[in-house]
């Protein structure tokens, strides 16, 4: 994915999160577990984006209403 597509994905995901009022964050322990899962996933790109959905993993993993596109969390 190009940098502009990644930026578009980040902006869109941020907009949807704010628009829907879904800004509740997970506890640190769950965030760490999600990040460990993603760090060991072959779909994680060197940029920190998921190659499946294009999200910025370290941001997406923070929110209660978010989930992994391949159901790993």
C-alpha atoms as a PDB file:
ATOM      1  CA  UNK A   1       0.000   0.000   0.000  1.00  0.00           C
ATOM      2  CA  UNK A   2       1.204   3.443  -0.769  1.00  0.00           C
ATOM      3  CA  UNK A   3       1.625   6.148   1.818  1.00  0.00           C
ATOM      4  CA  UNK A   4      -1.418   8.054   0.540  1.00  0.00           C
ATOM      5  CA  UNK A   5      -3.659   5.004   0.807  1.00  0.00           C
ATOM      6  CA  UNK A   6      -2.387   4.422   4.368  1.00  0.00           C
ATOM      7  CA  UNK A   7      -3.099   8.045   5.237  1.00  0.00           C
ATOM      8  CA  UNK A   8      -6.554   7.772   3.709  1.00  0.00           C
ATOM      9  CA  UNK A   9      -7.225   4.631   5.783  1.00  0.00           C
ATOM     10  CA  UNK A  10      -6.048   6.331   8.981  1.00  0.00           C
ATOM     11  CA  UNK A  11      -8.163   9.422   8.364  1.00  0.00           C
ATOM     12  CA  UNK A  12     -11.247   7.399   7.461  1.00  0.00           C
ATOM     13  CA  UNK A  13     -10.903   5.091  10.486  1.00  0.00           C
ATOM     14  CA  UNK A  14     -10.383   8.098  12.762  1.00  0.00           C
ATOM     15  CA  UNK A  15     -13.428   9.831  11.313  1.00  0.00           C
ATOM     16  CA  UNK A  16     -15.639   6.753  11.803  1.00  0.00           C
ATOM     17  CA  UNK A  17     -14.402   6.290  15.366  1.00  0.00           C
ATOM     18  CA  UNK A  18     -15.137   9.900  16.314  1.00  0.00           C
ATOM     19  CA  UNK A  19     -18.407  10.091  14.383  1.00  0.00           C
ATOM     20  CA  UNK A  20     -19.775   6.983  16.060  1.00  0.00           C
ATOM     21  CA  UNK A  21     -18.522   8.018  19.483  1.00  0.00           C
ATOM     22  CA  UNK A  22     -16.474   4.829  19.721  1.00  0.00           C
ATOM     23  CA  UNK A  23     -13.494   6.312  21.478  1.00  0.00           C
ATOM     24  CA  UNK A  24     -13.421   3.898  24.443  1.00  0.00           C
ATOM     25  CA  UNK A  25      -9.954   2.460  24.811  1.00  0.00           C
ATOM     26  CA  UNK A  26      -8.950  -1.000  25.981  1.00  0.00           C
ATOM     27  CA  UNK A  27      -6.942  -1.603  29.147  1.00  0.00           C
ATOM     28  CA  UNK A  28      -3.149  -1.624  28.762  1.00  0.00           C
ATOM     29  CA  UNK A  29      -2.963  -5.409  29.258  1.00  0.00           C
ATOM     30  CA  UNK A  30      -5.356  -6.072  26.360  1.00  0.00           C
ATOM     31  CA  UNK A  31      -3.594  -3.498  24.173  1.00  0.00           C
ATOM     32  CA  UNK A  32      -0.276  -5.253  24.806  1.00  0.00           C
ATOM     33  CA  UNK A  33      -1.813  -8.639  23.977  1.00  0.00           C
ATOM     34  CA  UNK A  34      -3.255  -7.279  20.717  1.00  0.00           C
ATOM     35  CA  UNK A  35       0.063  -5.694  19.770  1.00  0.00           C
ATOM     36  CA  UNK A  36       1.960  -8.918  20.504  1.00  0.00           C
ATOM     37  CA  UNK A  37      -0.462 -10.803  18.259  1.00  0.00           C
ATOM     38  CA  UNK A  38       0.036  -8.297  15.457  1.00  0.00           C
ATOM     39  CA  UNK A  39       3.803  -8.151  15.881  1.00  0.00           C
ATOM     40  CA  UNK A  40       3.965 -11.902  15.256  1.00  0.00           C
ATOM     41  CA  UNK A  41       1.510 -11.831  12.357  1.00  0.00           C
ATOM     42  CA  UNK A  42       2.873 -12.310   8.816  1.00  0.00           C
ATOM     43  CA  UNK A  43       0.387  -9.690   7.569  1.00  0.00           C
ATOM     44  CA  UNK A  44       2.114  -6.894   9.508  1.00  0.00           C
ATOM     45  CA  UNK A  45       4.136  -4.665   7.191  1.00  0.00           C
ATOM     46  CA  UNK A  46       7.424  -2.973   8.173  1.00  0.00           C
ATOM     47  CA  UNK A  47       5.487   0.318   8.213  1.00  0.00           C
ATOM     48  CA  UNK A  48       3.321  -0.959  11.091  1.00  0.00           C
ATOM     49  CA  UNK A  49       0.280  -1.325   8.860  1.00  0.00           C
ATOM     50  CA  UNK A  50      -1.823  -4.429   8.395  1.00  0.00           C
ATOM     51  CA  UNK A  51      -1.504  -5.654   4.813  1.00  0.00           C
ATOM     52  CA  UNK A  52      -5.069  -7.016   4.973  1.00  0.00           C
ATOM     53  CA  UNK A  53      -6.971  -3.847   5.899  1.00  0.00           C
ATOM     54  CA  UNK A  54      -4.285  -1.141   5.754  1.00  0.00           C
ATOM     55  CA  UNK A  55      -4.848   0.069   9.305  1.00  0.00           C
ATOM     56  CA  UNK A  56      -2.183   1.518  11.547  1.00  0.00           C
ATOM     57  CA  UNK A  57      -2.085  -1.394  13.980  1.00  0.00           C
ATOM     58  CA  UNK A  58      -0.783   0.525  16.988  1.00  0.00           C
ATOM     59  CA  UNK A  59      -3.765   2.888  16.720  1.00  0.00           C
ATOM     60  CA  UNK A  60      -6.483   0.377  15.863  1.00  0.00           C
ATOM     61  CA  UNK A  61      -5.478  -1.935  18.723  1.00  0.00           C
ATOM     62  CA  UNK A  62      -6.291   0.810  21.259  1.00  0.00           C
ATOM     63  CA  UNK A  63     -10.039   0.854  20.721  1.00  0.00           C
ATOM     64  CA  UNK A  64     -12.691  -1.412  22.242  1.00  0.00           C
ATOM     65  CA  UNK A  65     -14.890  -1.502  19.150  1.00  0.00           C
ATOM     66  CA  UNK A  66     -12.080  -2.402  16.748  1.00  0.00           C
ATOM     67  CA  UNK A  67     -11.128  -5.927  15.735  1.00  0.00           C
ATOM     68  CA  UNK A  68      -8.569  -7.753  13.645  1.00  0.00           C
ATOM     69  CA  UNK A  69      -9.711  -8.243  10.033  1.00  0.00           C
ATOM     70  CA  UNK A  70      -8.626 -11.902  10.163  1.00  0.00           C
ATOM     71  CA  UNK A  71     -10.147 -12.532  13.617  1.00  0.00           C
ATOM     72  CA  UNK A  72      -6.931 -12.852  15.610  1.00  0.00           C
ATOM     73  CA  UNK A  73      -8.335 -10.471  18.259  1.00  0.00           C
END
